[in-house]
Amino acid sequence: MASPTTRYRLTVMPVEKDGLPCSGRCTIELEHRARQDWIRLLEASPRLAGFSGDERAAVLIAGQILRDVLHRHVDDAGHPLAPHAASLGAALDALDTLHRPA
């Protein structure tokens, strides 16, 4: 049986100098099936010295996305990330230590 996943929709939109959303074609939207619940991970992770709350969330979520992509293609030697899987995995493990409660 497949492991449970949580589906997320991510929207990236620049904010104009006046604080309003941009106008026109300027939004990037994507969907991602995550193996872990990002909300629970953020709730459980400690505040990080030197990181704003937004940076903390961005680092955690970006790491989770990259980890999920690596996991999905672990058996595909032809995938562009395959040659880097070991070093990326080590870097992601190091980032994970930042998010573990003390």
N, C-alpha and C. Protein backbone atom coordinates (compact mmCIF):
# COMPACT_ATOMS: atom_id res chain seq x y z
N MET A 1 0.85 -1.19 0.00
CA MET A 1 0.00 0.00 0.00
C MET A 1 0.89 1.25 0.00
N ALA A 2 0.52 2.20 -0.77
CA ALA A 2 1.29 3.44 -0.85
C ALA A 2 1.20 4.22 0.45
N SER A 3 2.27 4.95 0.74
CA SER A 3 2.25 5.76 1.95
C SER A 3 1.32 6.95 1.75
N PRO A 4 0.72 7.44 2.83
CA PRO A 4 -0.20 8.57 2.70
C PRO A 4 0.55 9.83 2.26
N THR A 5 -0.11 10.63 1.48
CA THR A 5 0.49 11.89 1.05
C THR A 5 -0.47 13.03 1.32
N THR A 6 0.08 14.22 1.37
CA THR A 6 -0.71 15.43 1.48
C THR A 6 -0.45 16.23 0.21
N ARG A 7 -1.49 16.67 -0.42
CA ARG A 7 -1.35 17.44 -1.67
C ARG A 7 -1.38 18.92 -1.34
N TYR A 8 -0.40 19.64 -1.88
CA TYR A 8 -0.31 21.08 -1.67
C TYR A 8 -0.36 21.79 -3.01
N ARG A 9 -0.92 22.97 -3.01
CA ARG A 9 -0.86 23.86 -4.16
C ARG A 9 -0.05 25.07 -3.72
N LEU A 10 1.02 25.31 -4.42
CA LEU A 10 1.89 26.44 -4.10
C LEU A 10 1.70 27.53 -5.14
N THR A 11 1.59 28.74 -4.66
CA THR A 11 1.44 29.89 -5.54
C THR A 11 2.56 30.88 -5.23
N VAL A 12 3.26 31.29 -6.26
CA VAL A 12 4.33 32.27 -6.12
C VAL A 12 3.92 33.49 -6.93
N MET A 13 3.86 34.62 -6.23
CA MET A 13 3.42 35.85 -6.88
C MET A 13 4.23 37.01 -6.32
N PRO A 14 4.87 37.78 -7.18
CA PRO A 14 5.60 38.95 -6.67
C PRO A 14 4.63 39.98 -6.09
N VAL A 15 5.11 40.69 -5.10
CA VAL A 15 4.32 41.76 -4.49
C VAL A 15 4.91 43.08 -4.97
N GLU A 16 4.06 43.95 -5.45
CA GLU A 16 4.51 45.25 -5.96
C GLU A 16 4.98 46.13 -4.81
N LYS A 17 5.67 47.20 -5.14
CA LYS A 17 6.19 48.12 -4.13
C LYS A 17 5.10 48.70 -3.25
N ASP A 18 3.89 48.85 -3.80
CA ASP A 18 2.79 49.41 -3.01
C ASP A 18 2.11 48.35 -2.14
N GLY A 19 2.64 47.12 -2.15
CA GLY A 19 2.09 46.06 -1.33
C GLY A 19 0.98 45.26 -1.99
N LEU A 20 0.55 45.70 -3.15
CA LEU A 20 -0.52 45.01 -3.86
C LEU A 20 0.06 43.88 -4.72
N PRO A 21 -0.75 42.87 -5.00
CA PRO A 21 -0.29 41.81 -5.91
C PRO A 21 -0.02 42.39 -7.29
N CYS A 22 0.84 41.73 -8.02
CA CYS A 22 1.13 42.18 -9.38
C CYS A 22 -0.10 41.98 -10.26
N SER A 23 -0.07 42.64 -11.41
CA SER A 23 -1.18 42.47 -12.36
C SER A 23 -0.63 41.84 -13.63
N GLY A 24 -1.47 41.17 -14.35
CA GLY A 24 -1.03 40.50 -15.57
C GLY A 24 -0.61 39.06 -15.28
N ARG A 25 0.19 38.53 -16.18
CA ARG A 25 0.64 37.14 -16.06
C ARG A 25 1.91 37.10 -15.22
N CYS A 26 1.78 36.94 -13.93
CA CYS A 26 2.97 36.97 -13.08
C CYS A 26 2.90 35.95 -11.95
N THR A 27 2.00 35.01 -12.03
CA THR A 27 1.84 34.02 -10.97
C THR A 27 2.32 32.66 -11.46
N ILE A 28 3.06 31.99 -10.60
CA ILE A 28 3.47 30.61 -10.86
C ILE A 28 2.71 29.75 -9.86
N GLU A 29 2.05 28.71 -10.36
CA GLU A 29 1.30 27.83 -9.48
C GLU A 29 1.67 26.39 -9.81
N LEU A 30 1.88 25.60 -8.78
CA LEU A 30 2.21 24.20 -8.98
C LEU A 30 1.58 23.37 -7.87
N GLU A 31 1.44 22.09 -8.15
CA GLU A 31 0.94 21.16 -7.13
C GLU A 31 2.05 20.19 -6.78
N HIS A 32 2.02 19.76 -5.54
CA HIS A 32 3.05 18.84 -5.05
C HIS A 32 2.42 17.85 -4.07
N ARG A 33 2.70 16.59 -4.26
CA ARG A 33 2.28 15.56 -3.30
C ARG A 33 3.43 15.33 -2.34
N ALA A 34 3.22 15.69 -1.10
CA ALA A 34 4.26 15.60 -0.08
C ALA A 34 4.08 14.33 0.75
N ARG A 35 5.20 13.73 1.11
CA ARG A 35 5.15 12.53 1.94
C ARG A 35 4.95 12.88 3.41
N GLN A 36 5.17 14.14 3.77
CA GLN A 36 4.98 14.56 5.16
C GLN A 36 4.05 15.77 5.19
N ASP A 37 3.47 16.00 6.35
CA ASP A 37 2.57 17.13 6.56
C ASP A 37 3.41 18.35 6.93
N TRP A 38 3.52 19.29 6.00
CA TRP A 38 4.36 20.46 6.23
C TRP A 38 3.88 21.30 7.40
N ILE A 39 2.59 21.38 7.60
CA ILE A 39 2.06 22.19 8.70
C ILE A 39 2.55 21.63 10.03
N ARG A 40 2.46 20.31 10.18
CA ARG A 40 2.93 19.67 11.43
C ARG A 40 4.44 19.83 11.60
N LEU A 41 5.18 19.73 10.50
CA LEU A 41 6.62 19.91 10.58
C LEU A 41 6.96 21.32 11.05
N LEU A 42 6.28 22.33 10.49
CA LEU A 42 6.53 23.71 10.90
C LEU A 42 6.14 23.95 12.35
N GLU A 43 5.01 23.38 12.75
CA GLU A 43 4.57 23.55 14.14
C GLU A 43 5.56 22.92 15.12
N ALA A 44 6.18 21.82 14.72
CA ALA A 44 7.09 21.11 15.62
C ALA A 44 8.51 21.66 15.59
N SER A 45 8.84 22.42 14.55
CA SER A 45 10.23 22.89 14.44
C SER A 45 10.45 24.13 15.31
N PRO A 46 11.65 24.25 15.86
CA PRO A 46 11.94 25.41 16.71
C PRO A 46 12.21 26.65 15.86
N ARG A 47 12.14 27.79 16.51
CA ARG A 47 12.56 29.02 15.83
C ARG A 47 14.06 28.92 15.60
N LEU A 48 14.51 29.49 14.51
CA LEU A 48 15.92 29.40 14.16
C LEU A 48 16.58 30.77 14.24
N ALA A 49 17.64 30.86 15.03
CA ALA A 49 18.38 32.11 15.12
C ALA A 49 18.93 32.45 13.74
N GLY A 50 18.76 33.70 13.34
CA GLY A 50 19.26 34.16 12.06
C GLY A 50 18.29 33.97 10.91
N PHE A 51 17.13 33.35 11.15
CA PHE A 51 16.12 33.14 10.12
C PHE A 51 14.84 33.87 10.50
N SER A 52 14.24 34.55 9.54
CA SER A 52 12.90 35.09 9.78
C SER A 52 11.92 33.91 9.74
N GLY A 53 10.71 34.13 10.15
CA GLY A 53 9.70 33.08 10.08
C GLY A 53 9.46 32.62 8.65
N ASP A 54 9.46 33.57 7.71
CA ASP A 54 9.28 33.22 6.31
C ASP A 54 10.45 32.40 5.79
N GLU A 55 11.67 32.77 6.18
CA GLU A 55 12.85 32.02 5.75
C GLU A 55 12.84 30.60 6.32
N ARG A 56 12.46 30.49 7.57
CA ARG A 56 12.37 29.17 8.21
C ARG A 56 11.40 28.27 7.46
N ALA A 57 10.24 28.80 7.14
CA ALA A 57 9.24 28.03 6.39
C ALA A 57 9.74 27.69 5.00
N ALA A 58 10.37 28.65 4.32
CA ALA A 58 10.86 28.42 2.96
C ALA A 58 11.93 27.33 2.94
N VAL A 59 12.85 27.36 3.88
CA VAL A 59 13.91 26.35 3.93
C VAL A 59 13.31 24.97 4.20
N LEU A 60 12.39 24.89 5.14
CA LEU A 60 11.77 23.60 5.46
C LEU A 60 11.00 23.06 4.26
N ILE A 61 10.18 23.88 3.63
CA ILE A 61 9.35 23.41 2.52
C ILE A 61 10.19 23.09 1.28
N ALA A 62 11.17 23.94 0.98
CA ALA A 62 12.04 23.66 -0.18
C ALA A 62 12.79 22.35 0.03
N GLY A 63 13.26 22.11 1.25
CA GLY A 63 13.94 20.85 1.53
C GLY A 63 13.01 19.65 1.37
N GLN A 64 11.78 19.80 1.82
CA GLN A 64 10.82 18.71 1.69
C GLN A 64 10.49 18.42 0.23
N ILE A 65 10.33 19.46 -0.57
CA ILE A 65 10.04 19.26 -2.00
C ILE A 65 11.20 18.53 -2.66
N LEU A 66 12.42 18.98 -2.41
CA LEU A 66 13.57 18.34 -3.04
C LEU A 66 13.71 16.89 -2.57
N ARG A 67 13.48 16.64 -1.28
CA ARG A 67 13.54 15.27 -0.76
C ARG A 67 12.49 14.38 -1.43
N ASP A 68 11.28 14.90 -1.60
CA ASP A 68 10.22 14.13 -2.25
C ASP A 68 10.56 13.82 -3.71
N VAL A 69 11.12 14.79 -4.42
CA VAL A 69 11.51 14.55 -5.82
C VAL A 69 12.59 13.47 -5.88
N LEU A 70 13.58 13.58 -5.01
CA LEU A 70 14.63 12.56 -4.97
C LEU A 70 14.03 11.18 -4.68
N HIS A 71 13.11 11.10 -3.74
CA HIS A 71 12.49 9.83 -3.36
C HIS A 71 11.70 9.22 -4.52
N ARG A 72 10.96 10.07 -5.24
CA ARG A 72 10.16 9.58 -6.37
C ARG A 72 11.00 8.98 -7.48
N HIS A 73 12.22 9.45 -7.63
CA HIS A 73 13.06 9.03 -8.75
C HIS A 73 14.29 8.24 -8.29
N VAL A 74 14.23 7.68 -7.10
CA VAL A 74 15.38 6.98 -6.54
C VAL A 74 15.84 5.81 -7.40
N ASP A 75 14.94 5.16 -8.10
CA ASP A 75 15.28 4.00 -8.92
C ASP A 75 15.53 4.35 -10.39
N ASP A 76 15.54 5.64 -10.71
CA ASP A 76 15.72 6.08 -12.10
C ASP A 76 17.12 6.65 -12.27
N ALA A 77 18.05 5.81 -12.71
CA ALA A 77 19.44 6.24 -12.88
C ALA A 77 19.58 7.33 -13.94
N GLY A 78 18.60 7.45 -14.83
CA GLY A 78 18.65 8.46 -15.87
C GLY A 78 18.09 9.82 -15.46
N HIS A 79 17.54 9.91 -14.25
CA HIS A 79 16.97 11.19 -13.80
C HIS A 79 18.11 12.20 -13.60
N PRO A 80 17.87 13.47 -13.94
CA PRO A 80 18.93 14.48 -13.82
C PRO A 80 19.51 14.63 -12.41
N LEU A 81 18.73 14.30 -11.37
CA LEU A 81 19.25 14.42 -10.01
C LEU A 81 19.99 13.17 -9.53
N ALA A 82 19.90 12.08 -10.27
CA ALA A 82 20.51 10.82 -9.84
C ALA A 82 21.99 10.95 -9.49
N PRO A 83 22.81 11.62 -10.29
CA PRO A 83 24.23 11.73 -9.95
C PRO A 83 24.49 12.53 -8.67
N HIS A 84 23.50 13.30 -8.24
CA HIS A 84 23.67 14.17 -7.08
C HIS A 84 22.89 13.69 -5.86
N ALA A 85 22.24 12.55 -5.97
CA ALA A 85 21.33 12.09 -4.92
C ALA A 85 22.03 11.96 -3.57
N ALA A 86 23.22 11.38 -3.54
CA ALA A 86 23.91 11.17 -2.26
C ALA A 86 24.28 12.50 -1.61
N SER A 87 24.87 13.43 -2.39
CA SER A 87 25.26 14.71 -1.79
C SER A 87 24.05 15.55 -1.42
N LEU A 88 23.00 15.50 -2.24
CA LEU A 88 21.77 16.23 -1.89
C LEU A 88 21.13 15.63 -0.64
N GLY A 89 21.11 14.32 -0.57
CA GLY A 89 20.56 13.66 0.62
C GLY A 89 21.30 14.07 1.88
N ALA A 90 22.62 14.13 1.81
CA ALA A 90 23.42 14.56 2.97
C ALA A 90 23.12 16.01 3.35
N ALA A 91 23.00 16.88 2.34
CA ALA A 91 22.68 18.28 2.61
C ALA A 91 21.29 18.42 3.22
N LEU A 92 20.33 17.65 2.71
CA LEU A 92 18.96 17.70 3.25
C LEU A 92 18.92 17.17 4.68
N ASP A 93 19.69 16.13 4.96
CA ASP A 93 19.77 15.62 6.33
C ASP A 93 20.33 16.69 7.27
N ALA A 94 21.34 17.42 6.81
CA ALA A 94 21.91 18.50 7.62
C ALA A 94 20.88 19.59 7.86
N LEU A 95 20.11 19.95 6.82
CA LEU A 95 19.05 20.95 7.01
C LEU A 95 17.99 20.46 7.97
N ASP A 96 17.67 19.18 7.91
CA ASP A 96 16.65 18.62 8.81
C ASP A 96 17.04 18.80 10.28
N THR A 97 18.34 18.77 10.57
CA THR A 97 18.75 18.92 11.97
C THR A 97 18.40 20.31 12.50
N LEU A 98 18.31 21.30 11.61
CA LEU A 98 17.91 22.64 12.04
C LEU A 98 16.48 22.68 12.53
N HIS A 99 15.66 21.81 11.98
CA HIS A 99 14.22 21.85 12.25
C HIS A 99 13.78 20.90 13.35
N ARG A 100 14.71 20.19 13.94
CA ARG A 100 14.34 19.28 15.02
C ARG A 100 14.27 20.03 16.34
N PRO A 101 13.25 19.76 17.12
CA PRO A 101 13.17 20.40 18.44
C PRO A 101 14.39 20.02 19.28
N ALA A 102 14.87 20.97 20.05
CA ALA A 102 16.06 20.72 20.90
C ALA A 102 15.76 19.75 22.02
